[in-house]
Structures are given as structure tokens and as C-alpha cells.
C-alpha atoms as a PDB file:
ATOM      1  CA  MET A   1       9.504  -2.404   9.761  1.00  0.00           C
ATOM      2  CA  THR A   2      10.194  -0.465   6.497  1.00  0.00           C
ATOM      3  CA  VAL A   3       8.514  -0.787   3.612  1.00  0.00           C
ATOM      4  CA  GLN A   4      11.195  -2.460   1.949  1.00  0.00           C
ATOM      5  CA  GLU A   5      11.538  -4.917   4.484  1.00  0.00           C
ATOM      6  CA  ILE A   6       8.079  -6.077   3.903  1.00  0.00           C
ATOM      7  CA  ALA A   7       8.357  -6.088   0.073  1.00  0.00           C
ATOM      8  CA  ASP A   8      11.552  -8.199   0.270  1.00  0.00           C
ATOM      9  CA  ILE A   9       9.968 -10.763   2.873  1.00  0.00           C
ATOM     10  CA  LEU A  10       6.611 -10.898   1.101  1.00  0.00           C
ATOM     11  CA  GLY A  11       7.940 -10.765  -2.431  1.00  0.00           C
ATOM     12  CA  LEU A  12       6.167  -7.904  -3.456  1.00  0.00           C
ATOM     13  CA  ARG A  13       7.041  -5.893  -6.567  1.00  0.00           C
ATOM     14  CA  CYS A  14       7.677  -2.400  -6.355  1.00  0.00           C
ATOM     15  CA  VAL A  15       5.651  -0.619  -9.377  1.00  0.00           C
ATOM     16  CA  ALA A  16       5.996   3.017  -8.084  1.00  0.00           C
ATOM     17  CA  GLY A  17       7.971   5.094  -5.496  1.00  0.00           C
ATOM     18  CA  GLY A  18      10.805   3.039  -5.007  1.00  0.00           C
ATOM     19  CA  LYS A  19      12.913   5.950  -3.588  1.00  0.00           C
ATOM     20  CA  SER A  20      10.771   5.835  -0.500  1.00  0.00           C
ATOM     21  CA  LEU A  21      10.861   2.113   0.384  1.00  0.00           C
ATOM     22  CA  GLU A  22      12.863   2.981   3.527  1.00  0.00           C
ATOM     23  CA  ARG A  23      10.017   4.441   5.288  1.00  0.00           C
ATOM     24  CA  GLU A  24       8.807   2.954   8.605  1.00  0.00           C
ATOM     25  CA  VAL A  25       5.352   1.208   8.519  1.00  0.00           C
ATOM     26  CA  SER A  26       3.334   2.286  11.568  1.00  0.00           C
ATOM     27  CA  SER A  27      -0.065   0.170  10.865  1.00  0.00           C
ATOM     28  CA  GLY A  28      -1.908  -1.582   8.390  1.00  0.00           C
ATOM     29  CA  TYR A  29      -5.413  -1.254   6.742  1.00  0.00           C
ATOM     30  CA  VAL A  30      -7.398  -3.027   3.988  1.00  0.00           C
ATOM     31  CA  SER A  31     -10.424  -1.913   2.132  1.00  0.00           C
ATOM     32  CA  ASP A  32     -11.469  -0.858  -1.460  1.00  0.00           C
ATOM     33  CA  LEU A  33     -13.826   1.697  -0.084  1.00  0.00           C
ATOM     34  CA  LEU A  34     -12.162   4.938  -0.163  1.00  0.00           C
ATOM     35  CA  SER A  35     -14.412   7.051   2.332  1.00  0.00           C
ATOM     36  CA  ASP A  36     -13.499   3.897   4.696  1.00  0.00           C
ATOM     37  CA  VAL A  37      -9.655   4.165   4.160  1.00  0.00           C
ATOM     38  CA  MET A  38      -9.877   7.805   4.377  1.00  0.00           C
ATOM     39  CA  GLY A  39     -11.888   7.598   7.986  1.00  0.00           C
ATOM     40  CA  ASN A  40      -9.742   4.752   9.433  1.00  0.00           C
ATOM     41  CA  ALA A  41      -6.130   4.157   7.880  1.00  0.00           C
ATOM     42  CA  ARG A  42      -3.388   5.768   9.934  1.00  0.00           C
ATOM     43  CA  ASP A  43      -0.553   7.978   8.962  1.00  0.00           C
ATOM     44  CA  SER A  44       2.275   5.900   7.922  1.00  0.00           C
ATOM     45  CA  GLY A  45       0.332   2.786   7.749  1.00  0.00           C
ATOM     46  CA  ILE A  46       0.208   0.353   4.615  1.00  0.00           C
ATOM     47  CA  TRP A  47      -2.840  -0.008   2.889  1.00  0.00           C
ATOM     48  CA  VAL A  48      -3.968  -3.167   0.864  1.00  0.00           C
ATOM     49  CA  THR A  49      -6.493  -2.726  -2.110  1.00  0.00           C
ATOM     50  CA  SER A  50      -7.774  -4.065  -5.114  1.00  0.00           C
ATOM     51  CA  GLN A  51      -8.257  -0.589  -6.502  1.00  0.00           C
ATOM     52  CA  VAL A  52      -6.091   0.480  -9.384  1.00  0.00           C
ATOM     53  CA  HIS A  53      -7.243   4.137 -10.282  1.00  0.00           C
ATOM     54  CA  GLN A  54      -5.920   7.661  -9.579  1.00  0.00           C
ATOM     55  CA  ASN A  55      -7.970   8.162  -6.379  1.00  0.00           C
ATOM     56  CA  VAL A  56      -5.928   5.541  -4.611  1.00  0.00           C
ATOM     57  CA  VAL A  57      -2.610   7.816  -4.927  1.00  0.00           C
ATOM     58  CA  ALA A  58      -4.675  10.668  -3.545  1.00  0.00           C
ATOM     59  CA  VAL A  59      -5.772   8.892  -0.759  1.00  0.00           C
ATOM     60  CA  ALA A  60      -2.211   7.649  -0.033  1.00  0.00           C
ATOM     61  CA  LEU A  61      -1.004  11.346  -0.438  1.00  0.00           C
ATOM     62  CA  LEU A  62      -3.809  12.746   1.773  1.00  0.00           C
ATOM     63  CA  LEU A  63      -3.177  10.219   4.687  1.00  0.00           C
ATOM     64  CA  ASP A  64       0.489  10.337   4.054  1.00  0.00           C
ATOM     65  CA  LEU A  65       0.711   6.380   3.851  1.00  0.00           C
ATOM     66  CA  ALA A  66       3.923   4.588   3.874  1.00  0.00           C
ATOM     67  CA  ALA A  67       2.736   2.476   0.972  1.00  0.00           C
ATOM     68  CA  VAL A  68      -0.172   0.854  -0.826  1.00  0.00           C
ATOM     69  CA  VAL A  69      -0.340  -2.624  -1.821  1.00  0.00           C
ATOM     70  CA  ILE A  70      -2.434  -3.682  -5.049  1.00  0.00           C
ATOM     71  CA  ALA A  71      -3.398  -7.041  -4.373  1.00  0.00           C
ATOM     72  CA  GLY A  72      -4.778  -9.940  -6.666  1.00  0.00           C
ATOM     73  CA  GLY A  73      -2.194  -9.638  -9.444  1.00  0.00           C
ATOM     74  CA  LEU A  74      -4.063  -6.187 -10.600  1.00  0.00           C
ATOM     75  CA  GLU A  75      -2.215  -3.431 -12.496  1.00  0.00           C
ATOM     76  CA  MET A  76      -2.599   0.109 -11.925  1.00  0.00           C
ATOM     77  CA  ASN A  77      -3.998   2.146 -14.302  1.00  0.00           C
ATOM     78  CA  ASP A  78      -1.508   4.197 -16.304  1.00  0.00           C
ATOM     79  CA  ASP A  79      -2.377   7.575 -14.997  1.00  0.00           C
ATOM     80  CA  ALA A  80      -2.463   6.233 -11.652  1.00  0.00           C
ATOM     81  CA  LEU A  81       1.023   4.694 -12.089  1.00  0.00           C
ATOM     82  CA  ALA A  82       2.187   7.984 -13.606  1.00  0.00           C
ATOM     83  CA  LYS A  83       0.688   9.836 -10.658  1.00  0.00           C
ATOM     84  CA  ALA A  84       2.185   7.719  -8.044  1.00  0.00           C
ATOM     85  CA  LYS A  85       5.793   7.856  -9.806  1.00  0.00           C
ATOM     86  CA  ALA A  86       5.569  11.539  -9.751  1.00  0.00           C
ATOM     87  CA  GLU A  87       4.565  12.090  -6.250  1.00  0.00           C
ATOM     88  CA  GLY A  88       6.778   9.346  -4.932  1.00  0.00           C
ATOM     89  CA  VAL A  89       4.086   6.877  -3.512  1.00  0.00           C
ATOM     90  CA  PRO A  90       5.333   3.684  -3.124  1.00  0.00           C
ATOM     91  CA  VAL A  91       3.026   1.222  -4.805  1.00  0.00           C
ATOM     92  CA  LEU A  92       3.715  -2.432  -4.397  1.00  0.00           C
ATOM     93  CA  SER A  93       2.064  -5.513  -6.285  1.00  0.00           C
ATOM     94  CA  THR A  94       1.319  -8.597  -5.292  1.00  0.00           C
ATOM     95  CA  LYS A  95      -0.455 -11.684  -6.779  1.00  0.00           C
ATOM     96  CA  MET A  96      -1.800 -12.792  -3.262  1.00  0.00           C
ATOM     97  CA  SER A  97      -5.198 -12.034  -2.513  1.00  0.00           C
ATOM     98  CA  ALA A  98      -6.125  -9.247  -0.277  1.00  0.00           C
ATOM     99  CA  PHE A  99      -6.904 -11.951   2.423  1.00  0.00           C
ATOM    100  CA  GLU A 100      -3.624 -13.433   2.179  1.00  0.00           C
ATOM    101  CA  ALA A 101      -1.507 -10.221   1.950  1.00  0.00           C
ATOM    102  CA  VAL A 102      -3.300  -8.810   5.011  1.00  0.00           C
ATOM    103  CA  GLY A 103      -2.761 -12.107   6.819  1.00  0.00           C
ATOM    104  CA  ARG A 104       1.086 -12.187   5.933  1.00  0.00           C
ATOM    105  CA  LEU A 105       1.570  -8.593   6.976  1.00  0.00           C
ATOM    106  CA  TYR A 106      -0.153  -9.372  10.490  1.00  0.00           C
ATOM    107  CA  GLU A 107       2.250 -12.299  10.786  1.00  0.00           C
ATOM    108  CA  LEU A 108       4.809  -9.869  10.445  1.00  0.00           C
ATOM    109  CA  GLY A 109       3.460  -7.823  13.077  1.00  0.00           C
ATOM    110  CA  VAL A 110       1.644  -5.002  11.454  1.00  0.00           C
ATOM    111  CA  ARG A 111      -1.304  -4.167  13.200  1.00  0.00           C
ATOM    112  CA  GLY A 112      -4.372  -2.600  12.347  1.00  0.00           C
ATOM    113  CA  ASP A 113      -4.281  -0.374  15.487  1.00  0.00           C
ATOM    114  CA  VAL A 114      -1.630   2.481  15.952  1.00  0.00           C
END
């Protein structure tokens, strides 16, 4: 399933990286602890978080993630959003809680293991 398909089905709003939405999503991960994400999220995965700072973009780039979902209706900081746009990192936003977003991703077949 692609990032675009997930966004369409779940009603996620793309706030950055709109040119990279055709990428396939291999797995999913949820955490707000960056070191946890770096150690456990997988290449081409989709990451659900409520963190909104520039380090989110750095981790997404480091791990070559397919997309980041900012949960809870939060907005990325301006500098983080600018970095995501410049680097082409897909950042999606939702008013759903992280718990609900992950449950919905699971229903779509996105799993935490590769």
C-alpha cells in the first residue's frame, strides 16, 4: 500500500513531501522516543508520533522512512516543516490520537514487523 492510498483512506492531510506519496509502506511504528524509533523502525516504514520538531525529520531521513504521521491534531514547528519540505519527507497530519491512527493502520494491513 502506498503513502497516498493510506492518506486517502484515513483522511490524513499532507503537510510536506507531497511529491513522494507514491512510495510503498513496508511496516509501521509508533513512538515519541527518538532513540526507540531509530533502533526499531524499519526502512520504508510509516512512523506515527506526536513529536513536532526538526529531529523528527532527521530521524525519518536517517531511516529512509516512507512517511511520518503527526497525531493528535498537532502541527509541526515551522523549522521542522521547512526541513521536511526541503528534503521531500512526507509528513501527514491527523486529528486522530496516535492510538487510533495505529489501530486504523493495522486494520489496513500495516504491521510492525517486516
